[in-house]
Amino acid sequence: MWEIRGERDEDEGAIDALVDRCFGPGRYAKTAYRLREGVDPEPRLSFVAVSASDGVLLGSVRFWPIMVGSHVSLLLGPLAVEPELRGRGIGISLMQRGIDQARALGFETIILVGDEPYYARVGFSRLAPGRVRMPGPVDSSRLLGLSLKHGALVSLSGDVRRARIDHPVSAQTTPVG
């Protein structure tokens, strides 16, 4: 059994270790990670799954503010679940909590790069090729979107970029866009 709650400052180390185990260091070169550089996740949309018995971190999800053309949107990820616990519904539960909260906060769309069969379970579908353009190489069949407001994905088009910069990006990183 697990509980889902909002992420806390003291979760940071456990989340970082979990994401390292799930995705490894190569993740930093991916386009989605480049969009997160210098930007903090939306704190009202950062959730963790913890063991109901001892509070040990089992999974994490974050949503990041982005712009798609002139539209404010969210980028989902990373979604990380302890490898030995995958397939038990933790990831789906984390995403559903974030999606419900994003809708309640008035966000209209969420995008991500991922496997459609998995993310379709919470409503994501493949975006029309060329409508939403990521700033780096992305397999267009893995670019997915979810409308939180009826019809919002229909008008979503343009280049994806950071919505805001919260802290300076290191001089050793390559700027996006």
Foldseek 3Di string as FASTA:
>chain_A
DKDKDFDDPVCVVVQVVQCCVVPNPVVCPDLVNLQCFQFDFDRLQKMFIADPVPRHTFWIKTWAWKQQPNAIAIEIDDTGGRVVCPPVCRSVVSVLVSLVSCLVVPHFKYKYFADCVVVCVNPKAQQDPQFEAGQDDGDSRRIIMHTSDPPPSVPGGHYMHHPDRNGDGDPPDDHGD
